[in-house]
Every structure is written in C-alpha cells, then in structure tokens.
Amino acid sequence: MGIFERFLSLWVALCIVIGVISGVALPQLFEFVAGIEYASVNLVVAVFIWIMIYPMMVNVDFASLKDVGRKPRGLCITLVINWLVKPFTMAGLGILFFEHLFAGLVDPQTAKEYIAGMILLGVAPCTAMVFVWSQLVRGDANYTLVQVSINDIIMVFAFAPIAALLLGVTDIVAKSLGTSNPYNMVRATLNALKNSTTPAEVAAKRGKTVEELFN
C-alpha cells in the first residue's frame, strides 16, 4: 500500500481535528456552507460524496454483476451485521454510556438526544464509505456495488420501523405514563418499586407513628 492508504487512520484523525478547530474558529463559514442546499440536501456534501464513490464506480463491470450471487456468504454477513446486530448494539452502547457511565456528565435531556442520534446512525448502513474502503483494499467493485445496493433497498423499507422500535424502547419517543409500550411500562414499574418507601419511612417523614397513618 502507498503512504496514503498505510496511514489512512492518521489522515482521518487529522481531518477530524482540523474540522473541529475550523468550526470553532470560523463558525460563520460553516454556517454558510450548511446553507448551500437544495431539497434538504447539502450540495457541498453531495459533491464530496460523489468524489468519494466515483473512482470505485468507474471500475464496476455491470455485465458481471449477475455472478455475484454465486458467492452469497459475504452478502449474508453484511445483511446480518447491518440489520440484526448493528442497530441494537448502537442502542445498547447509547444506553450504557449516556444513562450509566456518563450519567453524571450529561443532563438527561441531552443524553436522550445523544442516544437517539446513535440509534439513527446505527440503523442507517454506510454507503459511500463502503466504496472508499473497498477501493483502498483493492476489493471486488462488483460485489461492493451489489452489497451497497441491496442494503439501500432494505433501508427504504426497514429504516423507519427499526428506528421507531428502538427509539420507543429507549424511552426517547414516549414517557412511562400514557404509553402502551410494554418495555416502558415494565421499566416504570421497576423504577416505582425501587423508589417505593415503607410505612415506617412515611411515618417518620410526617412525624407520626405507623398506627396514626392508618387511623
């Protein structure tokens, strides 16, 4: 591999650092770029995504796409990871970090927003970057195209229901009261039991005896 491919992780890290610093130093510039859009699609991002996938697309032999089905193992692994593992793993990681490990560092409302963002990110499989990684490792361009196409087709139908399920399960959409979500009701019941007090505790708070509470 060349220097670019060999140190790709370093270049990505540098781009992230440069992007963060630039966003802090030149917020007006990024607001201007964010405003360059049509039909809710940012044109600058669209151009760069096309630049990312173009080198891969020119190597696709569309006549040989029919042979991809002879090697289904890669497709099956991709589908299982993208739709049966990744969305639920992202939701679990969001709950782990923002409701437990980082609970004292982030306010509850912001934590819920972060969890929602992780869920939406996990449900949507990557497309453009798949072409880039495949190109960098000299992968099969035809196989990559089929994998991305199948996942995009599934995403049209599966994104909304899976996202709605996980957002509901993580209590982003609905609160415990007034919802028929079984998970939320179980969580609310367990929280109520955990926070319940004994008659003796209630009596002590009120300055009375337990007998006086029931008379």
C-alpha atoms as a PDB file:
ATOM      1  CA  MET A   1       0.000   0.000   0.000  1.00  0.00           C
ATOM      2  CA  GLY A   2       1.020   3.587  -0.577  1.00  0.00           C
ATOM      3  CA  ILE A   3       1.630   6.207   2.097  1.00  0.00           C
ATOM      4  CA  PHE A   4      -1.962   7.455   1.882  1.00  0.00           C
ATOM      5  CA  GLU A   5      -3.520   4.019   2.394  1.00  0.00           C
ATOM      6  CA  ARG A   6      -0.977   2.965   5.026  1.00  0.00           C
ATOM      7  CA  PHE A   7      -1.575   5.979   7.255  1.00  0.00           C
ATOM      8  CA  LEU A   8      -5.273   6.432   6.490  1.00  0.00           C
ATOM      9  CA  SER A   9      -6.254   6.382  10.181  1.00  0.00           C
ATOM     10  CA  LEU A  10      -3.843   9.241  10.819  1.00  0.00           C
ATOM     11  CA  TRP A  11      -5.264  11.324   7.974  1.00  0.00           C
ATOM     12  CA  VAL A  12      -8.807  10.729   9.247  1.00  0.00           C
ATOM     13  CA  ALA A  13      -7.805  11.800  12.765  1.00  0.00           C
ATOM     14  CA  LEU A  14      -6.109  14.936  11.416  1.00  0.00           C
ATOM     15  CA  CYS A  15      -9.171  15.830   9.364  1.00  0.00           C
ATOM     16  CA  ILE A  16     -11.372  15.492  12.451  1.00  0.00           C
ATOM     17  CA  VAL A  17      -9.068  17.757  14.468  1.00  0.00           C
ATOM     18  CA  ILE A  18      -8.860  20.321  11.661  1.00  0.00           C
ATOM     19  CA  GLY A  19     -12.627  20.236  11.231  1.00  0.00           C
ATOM     20  CA  VAL A  20     -13.294  20.813  14.932  1.00  0.00           C
ATOM     21  CA  ILE A  21     -10.779  23.649  15.168  1.00  0.00           C
ATOM     22  CA  SER A  22     -12.097  25.258  11.985  1.00  0.00           C
ATOM     23  CA  GLY A  23     -15.680  25.008  13.215  1.00  0.00           C
ATOM     24  CA  VAL A  24     -14.781  26.783  16.445  1.00  0.00           C
ATOM     25  CA  ALA A  25     -12.611  29.425  14.770  1.00  0.00           C
ATOM     26  CA  LEU A  26     -14.785  30.080  11.708  1.00  0.00           C
ATOM     27  CA  PRO A  27     -18.410  29.327  12.621  1.00  0.00           C
ATOM     28  CA  GLN A  28     -19.768  31.771  10.029  1.00  0.00           C
ATOM     29  CA  LEU A  29     -18.025  29.880   7.224  1.00  0.00           C
ATOM     30  CA  PHE A  30     -19.581  26.591   8.244  1.00  0.00           C
ATOM     31  CA  GLU A  31     -22.997  28.176   8.640  1.00  0.00           C
ATOM     32  CA  PHE A  32     -22.646  29.467   5.083  1.00  0.00           C
ATOM     33  CA  VAL A  33     -21.663  26.023   3.785  1.00  0.00           C
ATOM     34  CA  ALA A  34     -24.545  24.433   5.688  1.00  0.00           C
ATOM     35  CA  GLY A  35     -26.940  26.831   3.977  1.00  0.00           C
ATOM     36  CA  ILE A  36     -25.925  25.716   0.477  1.00  0.00           C
ATOM     37  CA  GLU A  37     -28.602  23.107  -0.044  1.00  0.00           C
ATOM     38  CA  TYR A  38     -31.418  22.082  -2.337  1.00  0.00           C
ATOM     39  CA  ALA A  39     -34.371  19.891  -1.334  1.00  0.00           C
ATOM     40  CA  SER A  40     -32.795  19.454   2.129  1.00  0.00           C
ATOM     41  CA  VAL A  41     -29.600  18.069   0.546  1.00  0.00           C
ATOM     42  CA  ASN A  42     -26.366  19.933   1.179  1.00  0.00           C
ATOM     43  CA  LEU A  43     -24.751  20.448  -2.223  1.00  0.00           C
ATOM     44  CA  VAL A  44     -21.198  20.666  -0.878  1.00  0.00           C
ATOM     45  CA  VAL A  45     -21.556  17.322   0.904  1.00  0.00           C
ATOM     46  CA  ALA A  46     -23.169  15.807  -2.191  1.00  0.00           C
ATOM     47  CA  VAL A  47     -20.201  16.854  -4.348  1.00  0.00           C
ATOM     48  CA  PHE A  48     -17.668  15.367  -1.951  1.00  0.00           C
ATOM     49  CA  ILE A  49     -19.627  12.111  -1.653  1.00  0.00           C
ATOM     50  CA  TRP A  50     -19.630  11.825  -5.434  1.00  0.00           C
ATOM     51  CA  ILE A  51     -15.872  12.401  -5.447  1.00  0.00           C
ATOM     52  CA  MET A  52     -15.566   9.585  -2.892  1.00  0.00           C
ATOM     53  CA  ILE A  53     -17.504   6.989  -4.862  1.00  0.00           C
ATOM     54  CA  TYR A  54     -16.553   7.936  -8.423  1.00  0.00           C
ATOM     55  CA  PRO A  55     -13.173   6.100  -8.512  1.00  0.00           C
ATOM     56  CA  MET A  56     -14.922   2.920  -7.382  1.00  0.00           C
ATOM     57  CA  MET A  57     -17.837   3.219  -9.782  1.00  0.00           C
ATOM     58  CA  VAL A  58     -15.620   3.501 -12.871  1.00  0.00           C
ATOM     59  CA  ASN A  59     -14.209   0.057 -12.039  1.00  0.00           C
ATOM     60  CA  VAL A  60     -17.605  -1.654 -11.963  1.00  0.00           C
ATOM     61  CA  ASP A  61     -18.254  -4.200 -14.688  1.00  0.00           C
ATOM     62  CA  PHE A  62     -22.037  -4.176 -14.854  1.00  0.00           C
ATOM     63  CA  ALA A  63     -22.088  -7.214 -17.150  1.00  0.00           C
ATOM     64  CA  SER A  64     -20.557  -9.372 -14.413  1.00  0.00           C
ATOM     65  CA  LEU A  65     -22.965  -8.363 -11.644  1.00  0.00           C
ATOM     66  CA  LYS A  66     -25.020 -11.493 -12.279  1.00  0.00           C
ATOM     67  CA  ASP A  67     -22.125 -13.617 -10.991  1.00  0.00           C
ATOM     68  CA  VAL A  68     -22.160 -12.054  -7.535  1.00  0.00           C
ATOM     69  CA  GLY A  69     -24.968 -14.380  -6.402  1.00  0.00           C
ATOM     70  CA  ARG A  70     -22.596 -17.326  -6.652  1.00  0.00           C
ATOM     71  CA  LYS A  71     -20.814 -16.077  -3.507  1.00  0.00           C
ATOM     72  CA  PRO A  72     -23.665 -15.324  -1.080  1.00  0.00           C
ATOM     73  CA  ARG A  73     -21.644 -15.608   2.144  1.00  0.00           C
ATOM     74  CA  GLY A  74     -20.430 -12.014   2.059  1.00  0.00           C
ATOM     75  CA  LEU A  75     -23.915 -10.706   1.360  1.00  0.00           C
ATOM     76  CA  CYS A  76     -25.390 -12.725   4.220  1.00  0.00           C
ATOM     77  CA  ILE A  77     -22.758 -11.493   6.680  1.00  0.00           C
ATOM     78  CA  THR A  78     -23.345  -7.889   5.629  1.00  0.00           C
ATOM     79  CA  LEU A  79     -27.119  -8.159   5.988  1.00  0.00           C
ATOM     80  CA  VAL A  80     -26.931  -9.841   9.395  1.00  0.00           C
ATOM     81  CA  ILE A  81     -24.463  -7.282  10.783  1.00  0.00           C
ATOM     82  CA  ASN A  82     -26.257  -4.249   9.323  1.00  0.00           C
ATOM     83  CA  TRP A  83     -29.805  -5.175  10.296  1.00  0.00           C
ATOM     84  CA  LEU A  84     -29.694  -7.686  13.161  1.00  0.00           C
ATOM     85  CA  VAL A  85     -26.588  -6.612  15.088  1.00  0.00           C
ATOM     86  CA  LYS A  86     -25.522  -3.012  14.495  1.00  0.00           C
ATOM     87  CA  PRO A  87     -28.788  -1.126  15.264  1.00  0.00           C
ATOM     88  CA  PHE A  88     -29.325  -2.919  18.573  1.00  0.00           C
ATOM     89  CA  THR A  89     -25.651  -2.687  19.506  1.00  0.00           C
ATOM     90  CA  MET A  90     -25.678   1.083  18.952  1.00  0.00           C
ATOM     91  CA  ALA A  91     -28.809   1.426  21.091  1.00  0.00           C
ATOM     92  CA  GLY A  92     -27.195  -0.658  23.817  1.00  0.00           C
ATOM     93  CA  LEU A  93     -23.998   1.394  23.734  1.00  0.00           C
ATOM     94  CA  GLY A  94     -26.015   4.601  23.892  1.00  0.00           C
ATOM     95  CA  ILE A  95     -27.862   3.431  26.986  1.00  0.00           C
ATOM     96  CA  LEU A  96     -24.658   2.127  28.590  1.00  0.00           C
ATOM     97  CA  PHE A  97     -22.705   5.357  28.171  1.00  0.00           C
ATOM     98  CA  PHE A  98     -25.345   8.077  28.496  1.00  0.00           C
ATOM     99  CA  GLU A  99     -27.648   6.524  31.089  1.00  0.00           C
ATOM    100  CA  HIS A 100     -24.936   4.930  33.223  1.00  0.00           C
ATOM    101  CA  LEU A 101     -21.236   5.671  32.589  1.00  0.00           C
ATOM    102  CA  PHE A 102     -21.690   9.347  31.636  1.00  0.00           C
ATOM    103  CA  ALA A 103     -24.928   9.954  33.528  1.00  0.00           C
ATOM    104  CA  GLY A 104     -23.301  12.487  35.821  1.00  0.00           C
ATOM    105  CA  LEU A 105     -21.669  14.418  32.986  1.00  0.00           C
ATOM    106  CA  VAL A 106     -24.632  14.947  30.641  1.00  0.00           C
ATOM    107  CA  ASP A 107     -28.063  16.271  31.558  1.00  0.00           C
ATOM    108  CA  PRO A 108     -30.919  13.781  30.967  1.00  0.00           C
ATOM    109  CA  GLN A 109     -32.477  15.601  28.003  1.00  0.00           C
ATOM    110  CA  THR A 110     -29.146  15.901  26.175  1.00  0.00           C
ATOM    111  CA  ALA A 111     -28.389  12.258  26.956  1.00  0.00           C
ATOM    112  CA  LYS A 112     -31.662  11.201  25.318  1.00  0.00           C
ATOM    113  CA  GLU A 113     -30.801  13.236  22.236  1.00  0.00           C
ATOM    114  CA  TYR A 114     -27.391  11.581  22.015  1.00  0.00           C
ATOM    115  CA  ILE A 115     -28.979   8.147  22.342  1.00  0.00           C
ATOM    116  CA  ALA A 116     -31.460   8.995  19.599  1.00  0.00           C
ATOM    117  CA  GLY A 117     -28.598  10.119  17.360  1.00  0.00           C
ATOM    118  CA  MET A 118     -26.675   6.899  17.957  1.00  0.00           C
ATOM    119  CA  ILE A 119     -29.763   4.854  17.124  1.00  0.00           C
ATOM    120  CA  LEU A 120     -30.393   6.719  13.885  1.00  0.00           C
ATOM    121  CA  LEU A 121     -26.720   6.359  12.969  1.00  0.00           C
ATOM    122  CA  GLY A 122     -26.763   2.644  13.732  1.00  0.00           C
ATOM    123  CA  VAL A 123     -29.910   1.928  11.740  1.00  0.00           C
ATOM    124  CA  ALA A 124     -28.583   3.617   8.579  1.00  0.00           C
ATOM    125  CA  PRO A 125     -25.852   1.476   6.975  1.00  0.00           C
ATOM    126  CA  CYS A 126     -22.893   3.295   5.460  1.00  0.00           C
ATOM    127  CA  THR A 127     -22.866   3.540   1.672  1.00  0.00           C
ATOM    128  CA  ALA A 128     -20.302   5.985   0.271  1.00  0.00           C
ATOM    129  CA  MET A 129     -17.540   4.963   2.672  1.00  0.00           C
ATOM    130  CA  VAL A 130     -18.032   1.306   1.726  1.00  0.00           C
ATOM    131  CA  PHE A 131     -16.922   2.171  -1.792  1.00  0.00           C
ATOM    132  CA  VAL A 132     -13.913   4.026  -0.430  1.00  0.00           C
ATOM    133  CA  TRP A 133     -12.742   1.213   1.846  1.00  0.00           C
ATOM    134  CA  SER A 134     -13.258  -1.356  -0.899  1.00  0.00           C
ATOM    135  CA  GLN A 135     -11.232   0.739  -3.305  1.00  0.00           C
ATOM    136  CA  LEU A 136      -8.413   1.186  -0.786  1.00  0.00           C
ATOM    137  CA  VAL A 137      -8.062  -2.555  -0.160  1.00  0.00           C
ATOM    138  CA  ARG A 138      -8.497  -3.373  -3.868  1.00  0.00           C
ATOM    139  CA  GLY A 139     -11.750  -5.200  -3.233  1.00  0.00           C
ATOM    140  CA  ASP A 140     -14.250  -6.558  -5.734  1.00  0.00           C
ATOM    141  CA  ALA A 141     -16.006  -3.482  -7.135  1.00  0.00           C
ATOM    142  CA  ASN A 142     -18.923  -5.515  -8.490  1.00  0.00           C
ATOM    143  CA  TYR A 143     -19.523  -7.283  -5.194  1.00  0.00           C
ATOM    144  CA  THR A 144     -19.344  -3.987  -3.312  1.00  0.00           C
ATOM    145  CA  LEU A 145     -21.897  -2.397  -5.617  1.00  0.00           C
ATOM    146  CA  VAL A 146     -24.347  -5.258  -5.074  1.00  0.00           C
ATOM    147  CA  GLN A 147     -23.871  -5.182  -1.302  1.00  0.00           C
ATOM    148  CA  VAL A 148     -24.499  -1.447  -1.110  1.00  0.00           C
ATOM    149  CA  SER A 149     -27.491  -1.647  -3.464  1.00  0.00           C
ATOM    150  CA  ILE A 150     -29.192  -4.432  -1.505  1.00  0.00           C
ATOM    151  CA  ASN A 151     -28.655  -2.636   1.791  1.00  0.00           C
ATOM    152  CA  ASP A 152     -30.028   0.599   0.354  1.00  0.00           C
ATOM    153  CA  ILE A 153     -33.152  -1.195  -0.871  1.00  0.00           C
ATOM    154  CA  ILE A 154     -33.674  -2.788   2.539  1.00  0.00           C
ATOM    155  CA  MET A 155     -33.091   0.584   4.220  1.00  0.00           C
ATOM    156  CA  VAL A 156     -36.020   2.100   2.304  1.00  0.00           C
ATOM    157  CA  PHE A 157     -38.389  -0.339   4.000  1.00  0.00           C
ATOM    158  CA  ALA A 158     -36.652  -1.245   7.284  1.00  0.00           C
ATOM    159  CA  PHE A 159     -35.202   2.055   8.497  1.00  0.00           C
ATOM    160  CA  ALA A 160     -38.428   3.592   9.803  1.00  0.00           C
ATOM    161  CA  PRO A 161     -39.813   0.573  11.719  1.00  0.00           C
ATOM    162  CA  ILE A 162     -36.459  -0.357  13.313  1.00  0.00           C
ATOM    163  CA  ALA A 163     -35.734   3.245  14.280  1.00  0.00           C
ATOM    164  CA  ALA A 164     -39.243   3.645  15.717  1.00  0.00           C
ATOM    165  CA  LEU A 165     -38.858   0.408  17.696  1.00  0.00           C
ATOM    166  CA  LEU A 166     -35.511   1.333  19.210  1.00  0.00           C
ATOM    167  CA  LEU A 167     -36.462   4.942  19.893  1.00  0.00           C
ATOM    168  CA  GLY A 168     -39.530   3.679  21.731  1.00  0.00           C
ATOM    169  CA  VAL A 169     -37.623   1.006  23.642  1.00  0.00           C
ATOM    170  CA  THR A 170     -35.026   3.511  24.828  1.00  0.00           C
ATOM    171  CA  ASP A 171     -37.813   5.803  26.014  1.00  0.00           C
ATOM    172  CA  ILE A 172     -36.924   8.589  23.584  1.00  0.00           C
ATOM    173  CA  VAL A 173     -40.349   8.942  21.997  1.00  0.00           C
ATOM    174  CA  ALA A 174     -42.686   8.111  24.839  1.00  0.00           C
ATOM    175  CA  LYS A 175     -42.626   8.587  28.580  1.00  0.00           C
ATOM    176  CA  SER A 176     -43.724   5.928  31.008  1.00  0.00           C
ATOM    177  CA  LEU A 177     -47.129   7.443  31.663  1.00  0.00           C
ATOM    178  CA  GLY A 178     -49.767   7.285  28.970  1.00  0.00           C
ATOM    179  CA  THR A 179     -47.940   4.824  26.702  1.00  0.00           C
ATOM    180  CA  SER A 180     -48.709   1.246  25.780  1.00  0.00           C
ATOM    181  CA  ASN A 181     -45.073   0.424  25.105  1.00  0.00           C
ATOM    182  CA  PRO A 182     -44.512  -2.774  27.141  1.00  0.00           C
ATOM    183  CA  TYR A 183     -40.854  -2.038  27.789  1.00  0.00           C
ATOM    184  CA  ASN A 184     -41.619   1.428  29.120  1.00  0.00           C
ATOM    185  CA  MET A 185     -44.337   0.062  31.379  1.00  0.00           C
ATOM    186  CA  VAL A 186     -42.010  -2.598  32.808  1.00  0.00           C
ATOM    187  CA  ARG A 187     -39.287  -0.001  33.335  1.00  0.00           C
ATOM    188  CA  ALA A 188     -41.755   2.349  35.043  1.00  0.00           C
ATOM    189  CA  THR A 189     -42.981  -0.450  37.309  1.00  0.00           C
ATOM    190  CA  LEU A 190     -39.444  -1.445  38.311  1.00  0.00           C
ATOM    191  CA  ASN A 191     -38.493   2.179  38.959  1.00  0.00           C
ATOM    192  CA  ALA A 192     -41.606   2.640  41.100  1.00  0.00           C
ATOM    193  CA  LEU A 193     -40.799  -0.475  43.121  1.00  0.00           C
ATOM    194  CA  LYS A 194     -37.187   0.603  43.562  1.00  0.00           C
ATOM    195  CA  ASN A 195     -38.198   4.066  44.760  1.00  0.00           C
ATOM    196  CA  SER A 196     -41.090   2.917  46.953  1.00  0.00           C
ATOM    197  CA  THR A 197     -40.987   3.620  50.685  1.00  0.00           C
ATOM    198  CA  THR A 198     -42.148   1.607  53.668  1.00  0.00           C
ATOM    199  CA  PRO A 199     -44.941   2.758  56.040  1.00  0.00           C
ATOM    200  CA  ALA A 200     -42.309   3.361  58.717  1.00  0.00           C
ATOM    201  CA  GLU A 201     -40.370   5.707  56.417  1.00  0.00           C
ATOM    202  CA  VAL A 202     -43.501   7.646  55.506  1.00  0.00           C
ATOM    203  CA  ALA A 203     -44.484   7.917  59.164  1.00  0.00           C
ATOM    204  CA  ALA A 204     -41.030   9.185  60.127  1.00  0.00           C
ATOM    205  CA  LYS A 205     -41.189  11.895  57.429  1.00  0.00           C
ATOM    206  CA  ARG A 206     -44.562  13.049  58.701  1.00  0.00           C
ATOM    207  CA  GLY A 207     -43.586  12.903  62.368  1.00  0.00           C
ATOM    208  CA  LYS A 208     -46.220  10.295  63.183  1.00  0.00           C
ATOM    209  CA  THR A 209     -46.397   6.671  64.177  1.00  0.00           C
ATOM    210  CA  VAL A 210     -47.350   3.917  61.752  1.00  0.00           C
ATOM    211  CA  GLU A 211     -50.619   3.370  63.663  1.00  0.00           C
ATOM    212  CA  GLU A 212     -51.545   7.053  63.248  1.00  0.00           C
ATOM    213  CA  LEU A 213     -51.156   6.772  59.443  1.00  0.00           C
ATOM    214  CA  PHE A 214     -53.891   4.143  59.232  1.00  0.00           C
ATOM    215  CA  ASN A 215     -56.293   5.736  61.701  1.00  0.00           C
END
